[in-house]
Protein backbone atom coordinates (compact mmCIF):
# COMPACT_ATOMS: atom_id res chain seq x y z
CA UNK A 1 -56.15 70.24 11.61
CA UNK A 2 -57.26 66.49 12.03
CA UNK A 3 -55.49 64.35 15.23
CA UNK A 4 -54.03 61.07 14.57
CA UNK A 5 -55.40 57.95 13.70
CA UNK A 6 -54.96 55.06 15.57
CA UNK A 7 -53.87 51.94 13.31
CA UNK A 8 -56.02 49.00 14.94
CA UNK A 9 -53.25 46.28 16.82
CA UNK A 10 -54.78 43.18 14.63
CA UNK A 11 -53.84 44.96 11.06
CA UNK A 12 -50.42 45.72 12.74
CA UNK A 13 -50.00 42.75 13.66
CA UNK A 14 -50.86 41.25 9.82
CA UNK A 15 -48.53 44.13 8.42
CA UNK A 16 -45.31 42.47 10.80
CA UNK A 17 -46.62 39.02 9.75
CA UNK A 18 -46.48 40.11 5.95
CA UNK A 19 -42.93 41.60 6.07
CA UNK A 20 -41.65 38.46 8.49
CA UNK A 21 -42.47 36.40 5.22
CA UNK A 22 -41.14 38.44 3.12
CA UNK A 23 -37.43 38.15 4.78
CA UNK A 24 -37.68 34.28 4.97
CA UNK A 25 -38.86 34.01 1.54
CA UNK A 26 -35.86 36.40 -0.25
CA UNK A 27 -33.98 34.61 2.47
CA UNK A 28 -34.81 31.26 1.06
CA UNK A 29 -34.13 32.84 -2.47
CA UNK A 30 -30.78 33.55 -1.68
CA UNK A 31 -30.09 30.90 -0.42
CA UNK A 32 -30.96 28.24 -2.90
CA UNK A 33 -28.84 30.19 -5.50
CA UNK A 34 -25.59 30.25 -3.82
CA UNK A 35 -26.26 26.30 -2.89
CA UNK A 36 -26.79 25.39 -6.38
CA UNK A 37 -23.68 27.48 -7.13
CA UNK A 38 -21.42 25.70 -4.95
CA UNK A 39 -23.14 22.53 -6.41
CA UNK A 40 -21.48 22.26 -10.05
CA UNK A 41 -20.04 19.61 -10.77
CA UNK A 42 -15.88 19.93 -9.62
CA UNK A 43 -13.78 19.88 -12.67
CA UNK A 44 -10.14 19.95 -13.90
CA UNK A 45 -8.12 22.58 -16.15
CA UNK A 46 -6.86 21.18 -19.35
CA UNK A 47 -5.20 23.02 -21.62
CA UNK A 48 -5.97 27.09 -20.59
CA UNK A 49 -4.97 29.86 -21.74
CA UNK A 50 -4.92 33.44 -19.79
CA UNK A 51 -7.21 34.75 -22.88
CA UNK A 52 -9.85 31.41 -23.74
CA UNK A 53 -9.65 29.28 -19.99
CA UNK A 54 -11.61 25.44 -21.41
CA UNK A 55 -11.59 23.43 -18.61
CA UNK A 56 -12.68 19.47 -18.65
CA UNK A 57 -12.31 16.52 -16.55
CA UNK A 58 -8.82 14.48 -17.07
CA UNK A 59 -9.87 10.44 -17.41
CA UNK A 60 -7.15 9.34 -14.75
CA UNK A 61 -5.80 6.47 -17.26
CA UNK A 62 -5.45 9.54 -19.45
CA UNK A 63 -4.03 12.01 -17.16
CA UNK A 64 -1.35 9.30 -16.30
CA UNK A 65 -0.45 8.45 -19.87
CA UNK A 66 0.34 11.92 -20.42
CA UNK A 67 2.65 12.19 -17.11
CA UNK A 68 4.04 8.48 -18.69
CA UNK A 69 4.74 10.76 -22.38
CA UNK A 70 6.68 13.17 -20.39
CA UNK A 71 8.88 10.79 -18.70
CA UNK A 72 9.67 8.87 -20.97
CA UNK A 73 10.49 11.48 -22.99
CA UNK A 74 8.08 10.88 -26.15
CA UNK A 75 7.56 14.05 -27.06
CA UNK A 76 11.55 14.61 -27.81
CA UNK A 77 11.38 12.61 -31.09
CA UNK A 78 7.41 13.03 -31.96
CA UNK A 79 7.16 16.36 -30.34
CA UNK A 80 5.17 18.34 -28.16
CA UNK A 81 2.21 16.54 -27.68
CA UNK A 82 3.13 14.13 -29.83
CA UNK A 83 2.26 16.74 -32.99
CA UNK A 84 5.59 15.94 -34.52
CA UNK A 85 7.96 18.51 -36.28
CA UNK A 86 11.19 17.47 -34.32
CA UNK A 87 12.20 15.12 -37.13
CA UNK A 88 10.76 13.88 -40.67
CA UNK A 89 11.25 10.46 -39.81
CA UNK A 90 9.21 10.29 -36.87
CA UNK A 91 5.28 10.62 -37.29
CA UNK A 92 3.41 12.26 -35.18
CA UNK A 93 0.38 11.12 -32.86
CA UNK A 94 -2.21 13.16 -32.97
CA UNK A 95 -4.05 10.28 -35.64
CA UNK A 96 -2.22 7.24 -34.63
CA UNK A 97 -5.17 6.04 -32.73
CA UNK A 98 -7.20 5.94 -35.22
CA UNK A 99 -4.97 3.86 -37.41
CA UNK A 100 -3.60 1.13 -35.18
CA UNK A 101 -5.69 -0.88 -32.85
CA UNK A 102 -4.49 -0.66 -28.90
CA UNK A 103 -2.73 -4.26 -29.24
CA UNK A 104 -0.90 -2.94 -32.18
CA UNK A 105 0.29 0.23 -30.09
CA UNK A 106 1.23 -1.90 -27.64
CA UNK A 107 3.86 -4.10 -30.01
CA UNK A 108 4.90 -0.78 -31.01
CA UNK A 109 5.93 0.40 -27.86
CA UNK A 110 7.27 -3.15 -26.30
CA UNK A 111 9.47 -3.78 -29.81
CA UNK A 112 10.51 -0.64 -30.94
CA UNK A 113 10.63 1.05 -34.32
CA UNK A 114 12.71 2.17 -36.56
CA UNK A 115 15.62 1.73 -39.20
CA UNK A 116 17.85 -0.08 -36.81
CA UNK A 117 20.80 0.04 -39.49
CA UNK A 118 21.27 3.51 -39.59
CA UNK A 119 22.49 5.60 -36.75
CA UNK A 120 21.76 9.07 -38.07
CA UNK A 121 18.46 7.87 -38.54
CA UNK A 122 16.04 7.80 -35.03
CA UNK A 123 15.23 4.52 -33.92
CA UNK A 124 12.18 4.06 -31.24
CA UNK A 125 13.54 1.61 -28.42
CA UNK A 126 11.98 -1.55 -27.26
CA UNK A 127 10.96 -0.04 -24.32
CA UNK A 128 9.37 -3.79 -22.23
CA UNK A 129 11.38 -3.92 -19.18
CA UNK A 130 11.65 -0.18 -18.74
CA UNK A 131 7.81 0.89 -19.39
CA UNK A 132 5.35 -1.55 -17.02
CA UNK A 133 2.37 -3.13 -18.94
CA UNK A 134 0.02 -0.55 -17.23
CA UNK A 135 1.87 2.31 -18.01
CA UNK A 136 1.73 1.58 -21.51
CA UNK A 137 -1.83 0.75 -20.90
CA UNK A 138 -1.82 4.28 -19.86
CA UNK A 139 -0.17 5.44 -22.79
CA UNK A 140 -2.39 3.71 -24.99
CA UNK A 141 -5.31 5.71 -23.65
CA UNK A 142 -3.41 9.06 -23.55
CA UNK A 143 -3.19 8.01 -27.73
CA UNK A 144 -6.62 7.59 -27.82
CA UNK A 145 -8.01 10.15 -26.08
CA UNK A 146 -5.97 12.58 -28.75
CA UNK A 147 -3.11 13.75 -26.76
CA UNK A 148 -4.88 16.92 -24.22
CA UNK A 149 -2.49 18.83 -22.36
CA UNK A 150 -2.23 17.96 -18.66
CA UNK A 151 -1.32 20.11 -15.94
CA UNK A 152 2.05 19.46 -15.05
CA UNK A 153 2.94 16.69 -17.63
CA UNK A 154 5.70 18.76 -19.65
CA UNK A 155 9.15 18.17 -19.83
CA UNK A 156 12.13 19.41 -17.93
CA UNK A 157 12.98 22.88 -18.32
CA UNK A 158 16.70 22.98 -19.31
CA UNK A 159 18.42 25.97 -17.47
CA UNK A 160 20.44 28.84 -19.49
CA UNK A 161 23.42 30.66 -18.66
CA UNK A 162 24.11 28.17 -15.55
CA UNK A 163 26.74 26.17 -17.61
CA UNK A 164 26.87 23.11 -19.71
CA UNK A 165 27.16 20.29 -16.86
CA UNK A 166 23.80 22.19 -15.42
CA UNK A 167 22.26 22.36 -18.47
CA UNK A 168 23.26 18.39 -19.16
CA UNK A 169 21.52 17.26 -16.01
CA UNK A 170 18.25 18.77 -17.58
CA UNK A 171 18.94 16.99 -20.51
CA UNK A 172 19.32 13.71 -18.52
CA UNK A 173 16.23 13.59 -17.49
CA UNK A 174 14.21 15.91 -20.30
CA UNK A 175 15.96 12.85 -22.69
CA UNK A 176 14.69 9.95 -20.54
CA UNK A 177 18.49 9.14 -20.03
CA UNK A 178 17.75 8.70 -16.49
CA UNK A 179 14.93 5.89 -16.58
CA UNK A 180 17.50 2.89 -17.77
CA UNK A 181 20.66 4.51 -16.70
CA UNK A 182 19.52 5.48 -13.35
CA UNK A 183 20.00 8.60 -10.89
CA UNK A 184 23.44 9.94 -11.84
CA UNK A 185 24.47 7.42 -14.37
CA UNK A 186 24.54 4.88 -11.56
CA UNK A 187 22.90 2.05 -13.23
CA UNK A 188 20.91 -0.83 -11.39
CA UNK A 189 17.56 -1.26 -14.08
CA UNK A 190 17.83 -5.01 -14.90
CA UNK A 191 17.98 -6.09 -18.55
CA UNK A 192 17.71 -9.96 -17.59
CA UNK A 193 18.34 -11.04 -21.65
CA UNK A 194 20.95 -8.97 -21.71
CA UNK A 195 24.26 -10.62 -21.71
CA UNK A 196 25.39 -8.57 -17.97
CA UNK A 197 21.59 -8.94 -17.03
CA UNK A 198 21.17 -5.10 -16.63
CA UNK A 199 21.67 -1.85 -18.58
CA UNK A 200 24.80 -0.45 -18.04
CA UNK A 201 25.87 2.45 -15.81
CA UNK A 202 27.59 6.02 -17.14
CA UNK A 203 29.64 6.83 -14.31
CA UNK A 204 32.56 4.52 -12.74
CA UNK A 205 35.86 3.41 -13.71
CA UNK A 206 34.40 0.64 -16.25
CA UNK A 207 32.76 3.83 -18.22
CA UNK A 208 34.94 6.32 -18.28
CA UNK A 209 38.05 3.40 -19.47
CA UNK A 210 35.84 2.25 -22.44
CA UNK A 211 34.36 6.18 -23.11
CA UNK A 212 37.45 7.91 -22.64
CA UNK A 213 36.71 10.84 -25.12
CA UNK A 214 33.89 13.33 -25.74
CA UNK A 215 33.38 11.67 -29.13
CA UNK A 216 33.08 8.68 -28.23
CA UNK A 217 30.13 9.56 -25.52
CA UNK A 218 29.22 11.43 -28.17
CA UNK A 219 28.94 8.50 -31.12
CA UNK A 220 27.24 6.12 -28.15
CA UNK A 221 24.61 8.37 -27.62
CA UNK A 222 23.79 8.85 -31.66
CA UNK A 223 23.93 5.13 -32.07
CA UNK A 224 22.53 3.68 -29.35
CA UNK A 225 22.28 0.18 -28.83
CA UNK A 226 19.62 -1.45 -30.70
CA UNK A 227 18.93 -5.42 -31.06
CA UNK A 228 15.38 -4.90 -31.63
CA UNK A 229 13.28 -7.29 -30.31
CA UNK A 230 11.75 -7.93 -26.54
CA UNK A 231 12.48 -8.69 -23.83
CA UNK A 232 15.82 -7.37 -24.64
CA UNK A 233 15.92 -3.02 -23.64
CA UNK A 234 17.73 -1.22 -26.36
CA UNK A 235 18.96 2.11 -25.98
CA UNK A 236 17.44 4.85 -29.00
CA UNK A 237 19.56 5.95 -32.00
CA UNK A 238 19.67 10.00 -30.99
CA UNK A 239 21.29 10.68 -34.50
CA UNK A 240 19.25 13.39 -36.17
CA UNK A 241 17.21 14.07 -32.93
CA UNK A 242 19.38 15.38 -30.21
CA UNK A 243 21.22 18.84 -31.75
CA UNK A 244 25.17 19.14 -31.51
CA UNK A 245 25.09 21.78 -28.49
CA UNK A 246 23.23 19.20 -25.90
CA UNK A 247 25.31 16.34 -26.90
CA UNK A 248 28.27 18.53 -25.55
CA UNK A 249 25.98 19.40 -22.70
CA UNK A 250 24.86 15.75 -21.49
CA UNK A 251 28.92 14.87 -22.01
CA UNK A 252 29.56 17.21 -19.85
CA UNK A 253 27.00 16.13 -17.14
CA UNK A 254 28.48 12.93 -17.34
CA UNK A 255 32.38 13.80 -17.37
CA UNK A 256 31.05 14.99 -13.44
CA UNK A 257 30.13 11.69 -12.83
CA UNK A 258 32.14 9.60 -9.92
């Protein structure tokens, strides 16, 4: 049986150095890989589904326009993300940016559009004075971007099985009534070129005296108050857009206001 052979100290030192270098190299590779993963571009998730997530970067002005689109109830006439389908009298907006210039889009938003003489047909209101020029620019940017889905830029949800007045309060926001007539119908939004210089409130003794029946309230919602030229803000024709059950819910809510 042979005796143990001793390994020279120089060889042991060389082996130790090689092992140390190998560990350091492996650590460097791992650190590089982790660092590379953390340096990837941060994106905003838009229009995701559980089955096929898609991420893209959203221009801030496009995102602001998407929120304005929801706030001013554009989807209630032009359809979800401007796809139409609400009324045959209201066009889809998915291809409008390709056929109209930004100046033409601004004119339509500011001055309204539609058949003003027929209260049974929808009429886009005169938004100038309510929608700021900066917001109009954002809306145009959103339209020209193809109306992409933007997280949280969706119309308010209308509760069910909680009574007509509760549904009506949500519809008051969903249809943009709050933008002109104020929270709780208190008014206060300027309309300088109109006879009374302001958009009228939907609460108080004067309103209840003039609109003292449910049908009178429904009639004015359907017919609107179309004047047709800026800067006098006009109320749209909601005829052909808001279904009867929702009109009744809106009336139920307005009757709760003092």
